[in-house]
Amino acid sequence: KTKLACNIIATIIVTTVAMSRLYLNVHYITDIL
């Protein structure tokens, strides 16, 4: 459960970073992928 919680937190952070780069239009989606 702790491992899962840690990975969920990491996923939220990484997703937030990736989406912010797309929102700011400084990257293409293929750059993110």
PDB file of all heavy atoms in Angstrom:
ATOM      1  N   LYS A   1       0.833  -1.202   0.000  1.00  0.00           N
ATOM      2  CA  LYS A   1       0.000   0.000   0.000  1.00  0.00           C
ATOM      3  C   LYS A   1       0.872   1.258   0.000  1.00  0.00           C
ATOM      4  O   LYS A   1       0.568   2.240  -0.687  1.00  0.00           O
ATOM      5  CB  LYS A   1      -0.927   0.005   1.216  1.00  0.00           C
ATOM      6  CG  LYS A   1      -2.068  -1.006   1.133  1.00  0.00           C
ATOM      7  CD  LYS A   1      -3.002  -0.863   2.309  1.00  0.00           C
ATOM      8  CE  LYS A   1      -4.167  -1.861   2.203  1.00  0.00           C
ATOM      9  NZ  LYS A   1      -5.094  -1.743   3.361  1.00  0.00           N
ATOM     10  N   THR A   2       1.953   1.213   0.757  1.00  0.00           N
ATOM     11  CA  THR A   2       2.861   2.355   0.801  1.00  0.00           C
ATOM     12  C   THR A   2       3.562   2.537  -0.537  1.00  0.00           C
ATOM     13  O   THR A   2       3.721   3.662  -1.029  1.00  0.00           O
ATOM     14  CB  THR A   2       3.908   2.173   1.916  1.00  0.00           C
ATOM     15  OG1 THR A   2       3.238   2.027   3.171  1.00  0.00           O
ATOM     16  CG2 THR A   2       4.844   3.373   1.977  1.00  0.00           C
ATOM     17  N   LYS A   3       3.988   1.432  -1.124  1.00  0.00           N
ATOM     18  CA  LYS A   3       4.618   1.495  -2.441  1.00  0.00           C
ATOM     19  C   LYS A   3       3.661   2.119  -3.458  1.00  0.00           C
ATOM     20  O   LYS A   3       4.047   2.968  -4.260  1.00  0.00           O
ATOM     21  CB  LYS A   3       5.023   0.094  -2.906  1.00  0.00           C
ATOM     22  CG  LYS A   3       6.133  -0.562  -2.113  1.00  0.00           C
ATOM     23  CD  LYS A   3       6.389  -1.963  -2.655  1.00  0.00           C
ATOM     24  CE  LYS A   3       7.343  -2.758  -1.790  1.00  0.00           C
ATOM     25  NZ  LYS A   3       8.710  -2.230  -1.796  1.00  0.00           N
ATOM     26  N   LEU A   4       2.398   1.660  -3.408  1.00  0.00           N
ATOM     27  CA  LEU A   4       1.391   2.174  -4.333  1.00  0.00           C
ATOM     28  C   LEU A   4       1.167   3.664  -4.118  1.00  0.00           C
ATOM     29  O   LEU A   4       1.091   4.434  -5.081  1.00  0.00           O
ATOM     30  CB  LEU A   4       0.071   1.413  -4.148  1.00  0.00           C
ATOM     31  CG  LEU A   4      -1.107   1.877  -5.009  1.00  0.00           C
ATOM     32  CD1 LEU A   4      -0.771   1.721  -6.490  1.00  0.00           C
ATOM     33  CD2 LEU A   4      -2.368   1.091  -4.655  1.00  0.00           C
ATOM     34  N   ALA A   5       1.089   4.077  -2.843  1.00  0.00           N
ATOM     35  CA  ALA A   5       0.872   5.487  -2.523  1.00  0.00           C
ATOM     36  C   ALA A   5       2.019   6.344  -3.045  1.00  0.00           C
ATOM     37  O   ALA A   5       1.799   7.419  -3.622  1.00  0.00           O
ATOM     38  CB  ALA A   5       0.728   5.662  -1.013  1.00  0.00           C
ATOM     39  N   CYS A   6       3.247   5.868  -2.870  1.00  0.00           N
ATOM     40  CA  CYS A   6       4.423   6.605  -3.345  1.00  0.00           C
ATOM     41  C   CYS A   6       4.406   6.744  -4.866  1.00  0.00           C
ATOM     42  O   CYS A   6       4.721   7.806  -5.409  1.00  0.00           O
ATOM     43  CB  CYS A   6       5.697   5.899  -2.904  1.00  0.00           C
ATOM     44  SG  CYS A   6       6.055   6.036  -1.135  1.00  0.00           S
ATOM     45  N   ASN A   7       4.019   5.673  -5.545  1.00  0.00           N
ATOM     46  CA  ASN A   7       3.967   5.713  -7.012  1.00  0.00           C
ATOM     47  C   ASN A   7       2.831   6.595  -7.513  1.00  0.00           C
ATOM     48  O   ASN A   7       2.964   7.246  -8.556  1.00  0.00           O
ATOM     49  CB  ASN A   7       3.827   4.296  -7.568  1.00  0.00           C
ATOM     50  CG  ASN A   7       5.151   3.558  -7.619  1.00  0.00           C
ATOM     51  OD1 ASN A   7       6.029   3.879  -8.413  1.00  0.00           O
ATOM     52  ND2 ASN A   7       5.316   2.575  -6.754  1.00  0.00           N
ATOM     53  N   ILE A   8       1.729   6.632  -6.784  1.00  0.00           N
ATOM     54  CA  ILE A   8       0.614   7.508  -7.154  1.00  0.00           C
ATOM     55  C   ILE A   8       1.044   8.971  -7.036  1.00  0.00           C
ATOM     56  O   ILE A   8       0.752   9.798  -7.911  1.00  0.00           O
ATOM     57  CB  ILE A   8      -0.624   7.233  -6.276  1.00  0.00           C
ATOM     58  CG1 ILE A   8      -1.240   5.879  -6.646  1.00  0.00           C
ATOM     59  CG2 ILE A   8      -1.663   8.353  -6.440  1.00  0.00           C
ATOM     60  CD1 ILE A   8      -2.394   5.471  -5.759  1.00  0.00           C
ATOM     61  N   ILE A   9       1.753   9.299  -5.936  1.00  0.00           N
ATOM     62  CA  ILE A   9       2.241  10.661  -5.747  1.00  0.00           C
ATOM     63  C   ILE A   9       3.202  11.043  -6.879  1.00  0.00           C
ATOM     64  O   ILE A   9       3.119  12.138  -7.446  1.00  0.00           O
ATOM     65  CB  ILE A   9       2.946  10.803  -4.383  1.00  0.00           C
ATOM     66  CG1 ILE A   9       1.924  10.650  -3.251  1.00  0.00           C
ATOM     67  CG2 ILE A   9       3.664  12.154  -4.282  1.00  0.00           C
ATOM     68  CD1 ILE A   9       2.546  10.592  -1.869  1.00  0.00           C
ATOM     69  N   ALA A  10       4.100  10.107  -7.221  1.00  0.00           N
ATOM     70  CA  ALA A  10       5.043  10.362  -8.320  1.00  0.00           C
ATOM     71  C   ALA A  10       4.305  10.586  -9.630  1.00  0.00           C
ATOM     72  O   ALA A  10       4.657  11.482 -10.417  1.00  0.00           O
ATOM     73  CB  ALA A  10       6.006   9.183  -8.450  1.00  0.00           C
ATOM     74  N   THR A  11       3.257   9.794  -9.866  1.00  0.00           N
ATOM     75  CA  THR A  11       2.461   9.912 -11.091  1.00  0.00           C
ATOM     76  C   THR A  11       1.774  11.276 -11.172  1.00  0.00           C
ATOM     77  O   THR A  11       1.764  11.917 -12.231  1.00  0.00           O
ATOM     78  CB  THR A  11       1.408   8.795 -11.163  1.00  0.00           C
ATOM     79  OG1 THR A  11       2.059   7.517 -11.156  1.00  0.00           O
ATOM     80  CG2 THR A  11       0.563   8.924 -12.429  1.00  0.00           C
ATOM     81  N   ILE A  12       1.218  11.723 -10.049  1.00  0.00           N
ATOM     82  CA  ILE A  12       0.541  13.020 -10.011  1.00  0.00           C
ATOM     83  C   ILE A  12       1.521  14.148 -10.325  1.00  0.00           C
ATOM     84  O   ILE A  12       1.227  15.059 -11.114  1.00  0.00           O
ATOM     85  CB  ILE A  12      -0.115  13.256  -8.631  1.00  0.00           C
ATOM     86  CG1 ILE A  12      -1.277  12.278  -8.431  1.00  0.00           C
ATOM     87  CG2 ILE A  12      -0.602  14.700  -8.498  1.00  0.00           C
ATOM     88  CD1 ILE A  12      -1.876  12.307  -7.039  1.00  0.00           C
ATOM     89  N   ILE A  13       2.706  14.069  -9.724  1.00  0.00           N
ATOM     90  CA  ILE A  13       3.718  15.113  -9.944  1.00  0.00           C
ATOM     91  C   ILE A  13       4.169  15.139 -11.406  1.00  0.00           C
ATOM     92  O   ILE A  13       4.213  16.194 -12.045  1.00  0.00           O
ATOM     93  CB  ILE A  13       4.931  14.899  -9.021  1.00  0.00           C
ATOM     94  CG1 ILE A  13       4.530  15.106  -7.566  1.00  0.00           C
ATOM     95  CG2 ILE A  13       6.068  15.864  -9.402  1.00  0.00           C
ATOM     96  CD1 ILE A  13       5.636  14.772  -6.573  1.00  0.00           C
ATOM     97  N   VAL A  14       4.510  13.967 -11.939  1.00  0.00           N
ATOM     98  CA  VAL A  14       4.994  13.888 -13.321  1.00  0.00           C
ATOM     99  C   VAL A  14       3.906  14.340 -14.300  1.00  0.00           C
ATOM    100  O   VAL A  14       4.188  15.059 -15.266  1.00  0.00           O
ATOM    101  CB  VAL A  14       5.455  12.455 -13.656  1.00  0.00           C
ATOM    102  CG1 VAL A  14       5.800  12.330 -15.142  1.00  0.00           C
ATOM    103  CG2 VAL A  14       6.672  12.080 -12.812  1.00  0.00           C
ATOM    104  N   THR A  15       2.679  13.931 -14.057  1.00  0.00           N
ATOM    105  CA  THR A  15       1.563  14.332 -14.927  1.00  0.00           C
ATOM    106  C   THR A  15       1.363  15.847 -14.894  1.00  0.00           C
ATOM    107  O   THR A  15       1.142  16.477 -15.938  1.00  0.00           O
ATOM    108  CB  THR A  15       0.264  13.631 -14.493  1.00  0.00           C
ATOM    109  OG1 THR A  15       0.436  12.215 -14.554  1.00  0.00           O
ATOM    110  CG2 THR A  15      -0.895  14.037 -15.396  1.00  0.00           C
ATOM    111  N   THR A  16       1.458  16.427 -13.704  1.00  0.00           N
ATOM    112  CA  THR A  16       1.315  17.872 -13.560  1.00  0.00           C
ATOM    113  C   THR A  16       2.393  18.607 -14.349  1.00  0.00           C
ATOM    114  O   THR A  16       2.115  19.582 -15.060  1.00  0.00           O
ATOM    115  CB  THR A  16       1.400  18.284 -12.081  1.00  0.00           C
ATOM    116  OG1 THR A  16       0.357  17.634 -11.341  1.00  0.00           O
ATOM    117  CG2 THR A  16       1.257  19.792 -11.926  1.00  0.00           C
ATOM    118  N   VAL A  17       3.632  18.124 -14.235  1.00  0.00           N
ATOM    119  CA  VAL A  17       4.746  18.744 -14.969  1.00  0.00           C
ATOM    120  C   VAL A  17       4.521  18.635 -16.474  1.00  0.00           C
ATOM    121  O   VAL A  17       4.645  19.613 -17.213  1.00  0.00           O
ATOM    122  CB  VAL A  17       6.092  18.086 -14.585  1.00  0.00           C
ATOM    123  CG1 VAL A  17       7.211  18.582 -15.501  1.00  0.00           C
ATOM    124  CG2 VAL A  17       6.432  18.382 -13.130  1.00  0.00           C
ATOM    125  N   ALA A  18       4.166  17.434 -16.941  1.00  0.00           N
ATOM    126  CA  ALA A  18       3.973  17.195 -18.372  1.00  0.00           C
ATOM    127  C   ALA A  18       2.837  18.059 -18.929  1.00  0.00           C
ATOM    128  O   ALA A  18       2.976  18.686 -19.991  1.00  0.00           O
ATOM    129  CB  ALA A  18       3.689  15.723 -18.626  1.00  0.00           C
ATOM    130  N   MET A  19       1.716  18.099 -18.207  1.00  0.00           N
ATOM    131  CA  MET A  19       0.579  18.877 -18.670  1.00  0.00           C
ATOM    132  C   MET A  19       0.883  20.377 -18.679  1.00  0.00           C
ATOM    133  O   MET A  19       0.427  21.111 -19.561  1.00  0.00           O
ATOM    134  CB  MET A  19      -0.643  18.609 -17.778  1.00  0.00           C
ATOM    135  CG  MET A  19      -1.204  17.184 -17.865  1.00  0.00           C
ATOM    136  SD  MET A  19      -1.766  16.719 -19.528  1.00  0.00           S
ATOM    137  CE  MET A  19      -0.378  15.727 -20.094  1.00  0.00           C
ATOM    138  N   SER A  20       1.667  20.820 -17.706  1.00  0.00           N
ATOM    139  CA  SER A  20       2.010  22.250 -17.660  1.00  0.00           C
ATOM    140  C   SER A  20       2.869  22.643 -18.857  1.00  0.00           C
ATOM    141  O   SER A  20       2.736  23.743 -19.396  1.00  0.00           O
ATOM    142  CB  SER A  20       2.736  22.583 -16.354  1.00  0.00           C
ATOM    143  OG  SER A  20       4.032  22.009 -16.318  1.00  0.00           O
ATOM    144  N   ARG A  21       3.742  21.733 -19.301  1.00  0.00           N
ATOM    145  CA  ARG A  21       4.588  22.030 -20.467  1.00  0.00           C
ATOM    146  C   ARG A  21       3.752  22.139 -21.743  1.00  0.00           C
ATOM    147  O   ARG A  21       4.025  22.960 -22.617  1.00  0.00           O
ATOM    148  CB  ARG A  21       5.664  20.947 -20.641  1.00  0.00           C
ATOM    149  CG  ARG A  21       6.541  20.699 -19.428  1.00  0.00           C
ATOM    150  CD  ARG A  21       7.102  21.968 -18.846  1.00  0.00           C
ATOM    151  NE  ARG A  21       8.193  22.511 -19.655  1.00  0.00           N
ATOM    152  CZ  ARG A  21       8.728  23.694 -19.466  1.00  0.00           C
ATOM    153  NH1 ARG A  21       8.247  24.494 -18.522  1.00  0.00           N
ATOM    154  NH2 ARG A  21       9.730  24.115 -20.225  1.00  0.00           N
ATOM    155  N   LEU A  22       2.720  21.318 -21.829  1.00  0.00           N
ATOM    156  CA  LEU A  22       1.812  21.389 -22.980  1.00  0.00           C
ATOM    157  C   LEU A  22       0.957  22.657 -22.906  1.00  0.00           C
ATOM    158  O   LEU A  22       0.736  23.327 -23.913  1.00  0.00           O
ATOM    159  CB  LEU A  22       0.916  20.155 -23.021  1.00  0.00           C
ATOM    160  CG  LEU A  22       1.607  18.837 -23.404  1.00  0.00           C
ATOM    161  CD1 LEU A  22       0.657  17.664 -23.205  1.00  0.00           C
ATOM    162  CD2 LEU A  22       2.098  18.878 -24.845  1.00  0.00           C
ATOM    163  N   TYR A  23       0.473  22.969 -21.715  1.00  0.00           N
ATOM    164  CA  TYR A  23      -0.367  24.148 -21.529  1.00  0.00           C
ATOM    165  C   TYR A  23       0.401  25.414 -21.898  1.00  0.00           C
ATOM    166  O   TYR A  23      -0.142  26.334 -22.525  1.00  0.00           O
ATOM    167  CB  TYR A  23      -0.844  24.226 -20.080  1.00  0.00           C
ATOM    168  CG  TYR A  23      -1.847  25.324 -19.824  1.00  0.00           C
ATOM    169  CD1 TYR A  23      -3.212  25.081 -19.960  1.00  0.00           C
ATOM    170  CD2 TYR A  23      -1.436  26.607 -19.448  1.00  0.00           C
ATOM    171  CE1 TYR A  23      -4.137  26.099 -19.719  1.00  0.00           C
ATOM    172  CE2 TYR A  23      -2.342  27.618 -19.215  1.00  0.00           C
ATOM    173  CZ  TYR A  23      -3.695  27.350 -19.354  1.00  0.00           C
ATOM    174  OH  TYR A  23      -4.613  28.348 -19.134  1.00  0.00           O
ATOM    175  N   LEU A  24       1.671  25.477 -21.515  1.00  0.00           N
ATOM    176  CA  LEU A  24       2.500  26.642 -21.810  1.00  0.00           C
ATOM    177  C   LEU A  24       2.959  26.668 -23.261  1.00  0.00           C
ATOM    178  O   LEU A  24       3.607  27.620 -23.702  1.00  0.00           O
ATOM    179  CB  LEU A  24       3.724  26.664 -20.878  1.00  0.00           C
ATOM    180  CG  LEU A  24       3.416  26.897 -19.399  1.00  0.00           C
ATOM    181  CD1 LEU A  24       4.645  26.617 -18.542  1.00  0.00           C
ATOM    182  CD2 LEU A  24       2.902  28.313 -19.162  1.00  0.00           C
ATOM    183  N   ASN A  25       2.644  25.616 -23.998  1.00  0.00           N
ATOM    184  CA  ASN A  25       2.961  25.510 -25.420  1.00  0.00           C
ATOM    185  C   ASN A  25       4.464  25.615 -25.694  1.00  0.00           C
ATOM    186  O   ASN A  25       4.898  26.201 -26.683  1.00  0.00           O
ATOM    187  CB  ASN A  25       2.217  26.575 -26.229  1.00  0.00           C
ATOM    188  CG  ASN A  25       2.206  26.252 -27.719  1.00  0.00           C
ATOM    189  OD1 ASN A  25       2.133  25.092 -28.110  1.00  0.00           O
ATOM    190  ND2 ASN A  25       2.266  27.279 -28.549  1.00  0.00           N
ATOM    191  N   VAL A  26       5.257  25.013 -24.808  1.00  0.00           N
ATOM    192  CA  VAL A  26       6.705  24.988 -25.016  1.00  0.00           C
ATOM    193  C   VAL A  26       7.164  23.610 -25.496  1.00  0.00           C
ATOM    194  O   VAL A  26       8.345  23.398 -25.740  1.00  0.00           O
ATOM    195  CB  VAL A  26       7.473  25.387 -23.728  1.00  0.00           C
ATOM    196  CG1 VAL A  26       7.221  26.833 -23.393  1.00  0.00           C
ATOM    197  CG2 VAL A  26       7.092  24.496 -22.554  1.00  0.00           C
ATOM    198  N   HIS A  27       6.199  22.676 -25.616  1.00  0.00           N
ATOM    199  CA  HIS A  27       6.502  21.343 -26.120  1.00  0.00           C
ATOM    200  C   HIS A  27       5.325  20.794 -26.924  1.00  0.00           C
ATOM    201  O   HIS A  27       4.175  21.176 -26.710  1.00  0.00           O
ATOM    202  CB  HIS A  27       6.781  20.367 -24.968  1.00  0.00           C
ATOM    203  CG  HIS A  27       8.154  20.488 -24.400  1.00  0.00           C
ATOM    204  ND1 HIS A  27       9.292  20.142 -25.103  1.00  0.00           N
ATOM    205  CD2 HIS A  27       8.581  20.912 -23.176  1.00  0.00           C
ATOM    206  CE1 HIS A  27      10.352  20.353 -24.340  1.00  0.00           C
ATOM    207  NE2 HIS A  27       9.953  20.830 -23.176  1.00  0.00           N
ATOM    208  N   TYR A  28       5.656  19.891 -27.836  1.00  0.00           N
ATOM    209  CA  TYR A  28       4.640  19.098 -28.520  1.00  0.00           C
ATOM    210  C   TYR A  28       4.338  17.866 -27.668  1.00  0.00           C
ATOM    211  O   TYR A  28       5.150  17.463 -26.831  1.00  0.00           O
ATOM    212  CB  TYR A  28       5.152  18.636 -29.887  1.00  0.00           C
ATOM    213  CG  TYR A  28       5.513  19.742 -30.839  1.00  0.00           C
ATOM    214  CD1 TYR A  28       6.854  20.046 -31.086  1.00  0.00           C
ATOM    215  CD2 TYR A  28       4.537  20.471 -31.503  1.00  0.00           C
ATOM    216  CE1 TYR A  28       7.209  21.060 -31.973  1.00  0.00           C
ATOM    217  CE2 TYR A  28       4.880  21.486 -32.394  1.00  0.00           C
ATOM    218  CZ  TYR A  28       6.219  21.771 -32.619  1.00  0.00           C
ATOM    219  OH  TYR A  28       6.562  22.775 -33.491  1.00  0.00           O
ATOM    220  N   ILE A  29       3.180  17.263 -27.908  1.00  0.00           N
ATOM    221  CA  ILE A  29       2.824  16.057 -27.165  1.00  0.00           C
ATOM    222  C   ILE A  29       3.833  14.940 -27.438  1.00  0.00           C
ATOM    223  O   ILE A  29       4.125  14.129 -26.553  1.00  0.00           O
ATOM    224  CB  ILE A  29       1.390  15.587 -27.530  1.00  0.00           C
ATOM    225  CG1 ILE A  29       0.994  14.351 -26.701  1.00  0.00           C
ATOM    226  CG2 ILE A  29       1.269  15.267 -29.013  1.00  0.00           C
ATOM    227  CD1 ILE A  29       0.970  14.564 -25.218  1.00  0.00           C
ATOM    228  N   THR A  30       4.409  14.899 -28.642  1.00  0.00           N
ATOM    229  CA  THR A  30       5.391  13.859 -28.945  1.00  0.00           C
ATOM    230  C   THR A  30       6.707  14.090 -28.191  1.00  0.00           C
ATOM    231  O   THR A  30       7.455  13.136 -27.955  1.00  0.00           O
ATOM    232  CB  THR A  30       5.657  13.783 -30.467  1.00  0.00           C
ATOM    233  OG1 THR A  30       5.767  15.107 -31.001  1.00  0.00           O
ATOM    234  CG2 THR A  30       4.525  13.057 -31.167  1.00  0.00           C
ATOM    235  N   ASP A  31       6.985  15.327 -27.801  1.00  0.00           N
ATOM    236  CA  ASP A  31       8.140  15.586 -26.930  1.00  0.00           C
ATOM    237  C   ASP A  31       7.904  14.957 -25.564  1.00  0.00           C
ATOM    238  O   ASP A  31       8.816  14.394 -24.950  1.00  0.00           O
ATOM    239  CB  ASP A  31       8.365  17.090 -26.743  1.00  0.00           C
ATOM    240  CG  ASP A  31       8.692  17.803 -28.040  1.00  0.00           C
ATOM    241  OD1 ASP A  31       9.243  17.162 -28.949  1.00  0.00           O
ATOM    242  OD2 ASP A  31       8.380  19.000 -28.144  1.00  0.00           O
ATOM    243  N   ILE A  32       6.667  15.078 -25.088  1.00  0.00           N
ATOM    244  CA  ILE A  32       6.303  14.514 -23.790  1.00  0.00           C
ATOM    245  C   ILE A  32       6.343  12.989 -23.840  1.00  0.00           C
ATOM    246  O   ILE A  32       6.913  12.337 -22.950  1.00  0.00           O
ATOM    247  CB  ILE A  32       4.884  14.974 -23.377  1.00  0.00           C
ATOM    248  CG1 ILE A  32       4.790  16.506 -23.342  1.00  0.00           C
ATOM    249  CG2 ILE A  32       4.500  14.362 -22.036  1.00  0.00           C
ATOM    250  CD1 ILE A  32       5.676  17.165 -22.327  1.00  0.00           C
ATOM    251  N   LEU A  33       5.754  12.419 -24.886  1.00  0.00           N
ATOM    252  CA  LEU A  33       5.734  10.961 -25.030  1.00  0.00           C
ATOM    253  C   LEU A  33       7.155  10.411 -25.169  1.00  0.00           C
ATOM    254  O   LEU A  33       7.489   9.368 -24.597  1.00  0.00           O
ATOM    255  CB  LEU A  33       4.883  10.562 -26.239  1.00  0.00           C
ATOM    256  CG  LEU A  33       3.392  10.905 -26.151  1.00  0.00           C
ATOM    257  CD1 LEU A  33       2.684  10.535 -27.455  1.00  0.00           C
ATOM    258  CD2 LEU A  33       2.747  10.187 -24.973  1.00  0.00           C
TER     259      LEU A  33
END
